[in-house]
Amino acid sequence: PPPFTGVWMGDSKLCAIGVHCGNHITSHGLALNCCTDLSWFDHIVPCGLEGKGVTSLSHELGQHVAVSHVLEPFLDSFQEVFDCTLVSSEDPG
């Protein structure tokens, strides 16, 4: 929910998005919870947001969702939204 970043299901964060700037280097990334053991989040305040939870695709869909099932459609959508072509370091040439 605004003004929080990420992807939310109600009051629970499904995907975190982050940016780090330091020493003249900027890095960014995201963490999409597919089949994450959510019990670990009971020991911290995720993203520093009191009263908010964390969820996963597996929890929300009521079935196991492996990263391998999500990766290709996620990358396809990323390319479409950002009008780019992703190149893997594993691709020959």
C-alpha atoms as a PDB file:
ATOM      1  CA  PRO A   1       0.000   0.000   0.000  1.00  0.00           C
ATOM      2  CA  PRO A   2       1.240   3.529  -0.718  1.00  0.00           C
ATOM      3  CA  PRO A   3       3.669   4.952   0.205  1.00  0.00           C
ATOM      4  CA  PHE A   4       5.530   1.637   0.631  1.00  0.00           C
ATOM      5  CA  THR A   5       7.641   0.181  -2.172  1.00  0.00           C
ATOM      6  CA  GLY A   6       7.384  -3.384  -3.413  1.00  0.00           C
ATOM      7  CA  VAL A   7       4.515  -5.640  -4.337  1.00  0.00           C
ATOM      8  CA  TRP A   8       1.849  -6.125  -1.686  1.00  0.00           C
ATOM      9  CA  MET A   9      -1.008  -8.527  -1.004  1.00  0.00           C
ATOM     10  CA  GLY A  10      -3.101  -6.596   1.493  1.00  0.00           C
ATOM     11  CA  ASP A  11      -0.799  -5.738   4.423  1.00  0.00           C
ATOM     12  CA  SER A  12       1.813  -8.349   3.476  1.00  0.00           C
ATOM     13  CA  LYS A  13       4.794  -7.758   1.220  1.00  0.00           C
ATOM     14  CA  LEU A  14       5.213 -10.275  -1.600  1.00  0.00           C
ATOM     15  CA  CYS A  15       8.181  -8.655  -3.354  1.00  0.00           C
ATOM     16  CA  ALA A  16      10.794  -6.257  -1.994  1.00  0.00           C
ATOM     17  CA  ILE A  17      12.533  -3.719  -4.197  1.00  0.00           C
ATOM     18  CA  GLY A  18      15.703  -1.995  -3.127  1.00  0.00           C
ATOM     19  CA  VAL A  19      18.378   0.463  -4.188  1.00  0.00           C
ATOM     20  CA  HIS A  20      21.770   0.971  -2.558  1.00  0.00           C
ATOM     21  CA  CYS A  21      24.121   3.855  -3.279  1.00  0.00           C
ATOM     22  CA  GLY A  22      27.637   4.033  -1.914  1.00  0.00           C
ATOM     23  CA  ASN A  23      31.272   4.535  -2.897  1.00  0.00           C
ATOM     24  CA  HIS A  24      30.195   5.892  -6.306  1.00  0.00           C
ATOM     25  CA  ILE A  25      28.339   2.643  -7.076  1.00  0.00           C
ATOM     26  CA  THR A  26      24.598   2.167  -7.375  1.00  0.00           C
ATOM     27  CA  SER A  27      23.085  -1.301  -7.119  1.00  0.00           C
ATOM     28  CA  HIS A  28      19.490  -2.388  -7.187  1.00  0.00           C
ATOM     29  CA  GLY A  29      17.466  -5.548  -6.990  1.00  0.00           C
ATOM     30  CA  LEU A  30      14.315  -7.288  -5.952  1.00  0.00           C
ATOM     31  CA  ALA A  31      13.284 -10.312  -3.951  1.00  0.00           C
ATOM     32  CA  LEU A  32      10.124 -12.125  -5.036  1.00  0.00           C
ATOM     33  CA  ASN A  33       9.029 -14.589  -2.383  1.00  0.00           C
ATOM     34  CA  CYS A  34       8.094 -17.787  -4.214  1.00  0.00           C
ATOM     35  CA  CYS A  35       8.399 -20.637  -1.701  1.00  0.00           C
ATOM     36  CA  THR A  36      10.094 -18.809   1.147  1.00  0.00           C
ATOM     37  CA  ASP A  37      10.000 -20.187   4.705  1.00  0.00           C
ATOM     38  CA  LEU A  38       7.991 -17.313   6.162  1.00  0.00           C
ATOM     39  CA  SER A  39       8.666 -18.322   9.788  1.00  0.00           C
ATOM     40  CA  TRP A  40      12.039 -16.540   9.633  1.00  0.00           C
ATOM     41  CA  PHE A  41      10.209 -13.217   9.346  1.00  0.00           C
ATOM     42  CA  ASP A  42       8.741 -13.780  12.829  1.00  0.00           C
ATOM     43  CA  HIS A  43      12.167 -12.851  14.257  1.00  0.00           C
ATOM     44  CA  ILE A  44      12.587  -9.475  12.546  1.00  0.00           C
ATOM     45  CA  VAL A  45      10.673  -6.387  11.507  1.00  0.00           C
ATOM     46  CA  PRO A  46      10.718  -6.913   7.723  1.00  0.00           C
ATOM     47  CA  CYS A  47      11.848  -3.816   5.838  1.00  0.00           C
ATOM     48  CA  GLY A  48      11.549  -1.906   9.110  1.00  0.00           C
ATOM     49  CA  LEU A  49       7.758  -1.735   8.736  1.00  0.00           C
ATOM     50  CA  GLU A  50       6.019  -2.344  12.063  1.00  0.00           C
ATOM     51  CA  GLY A  51       2.657  -4.084  11.766  1.00  0.00           C
ATOM     52  CA  LYS A  52       3.193  -5.280   8.197  1.00  0.00           C
ATOM     53  CA  GLY A  53       3.692  -8.889   7.178  1.00  0.00           C
ATOM     54  CA  VAL A  54       5.447 -10.896   4.516  1.00  0.00           C
ATOM     55  CA  THR A  55       3.868 -13.434   2.202  1.00  0.00           C
ATOM     56  CA  SER A  56       4.846 -15.682  -0.699  1.00  0.00           C
ATOM     57  CA  LEU A  57       3.334 -16.905  -3.942  1.00  0.00           C
ATOM     58  CA  SER A  58       3.104 -20.407  -2.448  1.00  0.00           C
ATOM     59  CA  HIS A  59       1.225 -19.118   0.600  1.00  0.00           C
ATOM     60  CA  GLU A  60      -1.153 -16.946  -1.414  1.00  0.00           C
ATOM     61  CA  LEU A  61      -1.912 -19.630  -4.019  1.00  0.00           C
ATOM     62  CA  GLY A  62      -2.098 -22.506  -1.546  1.00  0.00           C
ATOM     63  CA  GLN A  63       0.354 -24.629  -3.544  1.00  0.00           C
ATOM     64  CA  HIS A  64       4.119 -24.920  -3.936  1.00  0.00           C
ATOM     65  CA  VAL A  65       5.469 -22.345  -6.413  1.00  0.00           C
ATOM     66  CA  ALA A  66       9.148 -22.944  -7.208  1.00  0.00           C
ATOM     67  CA  VAL A  67      11.465 -20.212  -8.461  1.00  0.00           C
ATOM     68  CA  SER A  68      12.004 -22.279 -11.611  1.00  0.00           C
ATOM     69  CA  HIS A  69       8.273 -21.956 -12.415  1.00  0.00           C
ATOM     70  CA  VAL A  70       8.326 -18.179 -12.054  1.00  0.00           C
ATOM     71  CA  LEU A  71      11.653 -17.189 -13.582  1.00  0.00           C
ATOM     72  CA  GLU A  72      10.845 -17.368 -17.319  1.00  0.00           C
ATOM     73  CA  PRO A  73       7.465 -15.569 -17.165  1.00  0.00           C
ATOM     74  CA  PHE A  74       8.985 -12.969 -14.831  1.00  0.00           C
ATOM     75  CA  LEU A  75      11.881 -12.277 -17.202  1.00  0.00           C
ATOM     76  CA  ASP A  76       9.514 -12.136 -20.200  1.00  0.00           C
ATOM     77  CA  SER A  77       7.360  -9.556 -18.412  1.00  0.00           C
ATOM     78  CA  PHE A  78      10.418  -7.569 -17.357  1.00  0.00           C
ATOM     79  CA  GLN A  79      11.584  -7.331 -20.981  1.00  0.00           C
ATOM     80  CA  GLU A  80       8.135  -6.256 -22.121  1.00  0.00           C
ATOM     81  CA  VAL A  81       7.644  -3.601 -19.445  1.00  0.00           C
ATOM     82  CA  PHE A  82      11.138  -2.124 -19.779  1.00  0.00           C
ATOM     83  CA  ASP A  83      11.321  -2.593 -23.565  1.00  0.00           C
ATOM     84  CA  CYS A  84      14.682  -4.328 -23.359  1.00  0.00           C
ATOM     85  CA  THR A  85      16.426  -7.585 -24.166  1.00  0.00           C
ATOM     86  CA  LEU A  86      17.999  -9.475 -21.274  1.00  0.00           C
ATOM     87  CA  VAL A  87      21.271 -11.264 -21.952  1.00  0.00           C
ATOM     88  CA  SER A  88      22.423 -14.081 -19.708  1.00  0.00           C
ATOM     89  CA  SER A  89      26.096 -14.482 -18.858  1.00  0.00           C
ATOM     90  CA  GLU A  90      25.498 -18.158 -19.672  1.00  0.00           C
ATOM     91  CA  ASP A  91      24.478 -17.374 -23.272  1.00  0.00           C
ATOM     92  CA  PRO A  92      27.203 -18.265 -25.776  1.00  0.00           C
ATOM     93  CA  GLY A  93      28.465 -15.265 -27.724  1.00  0.00           C
END
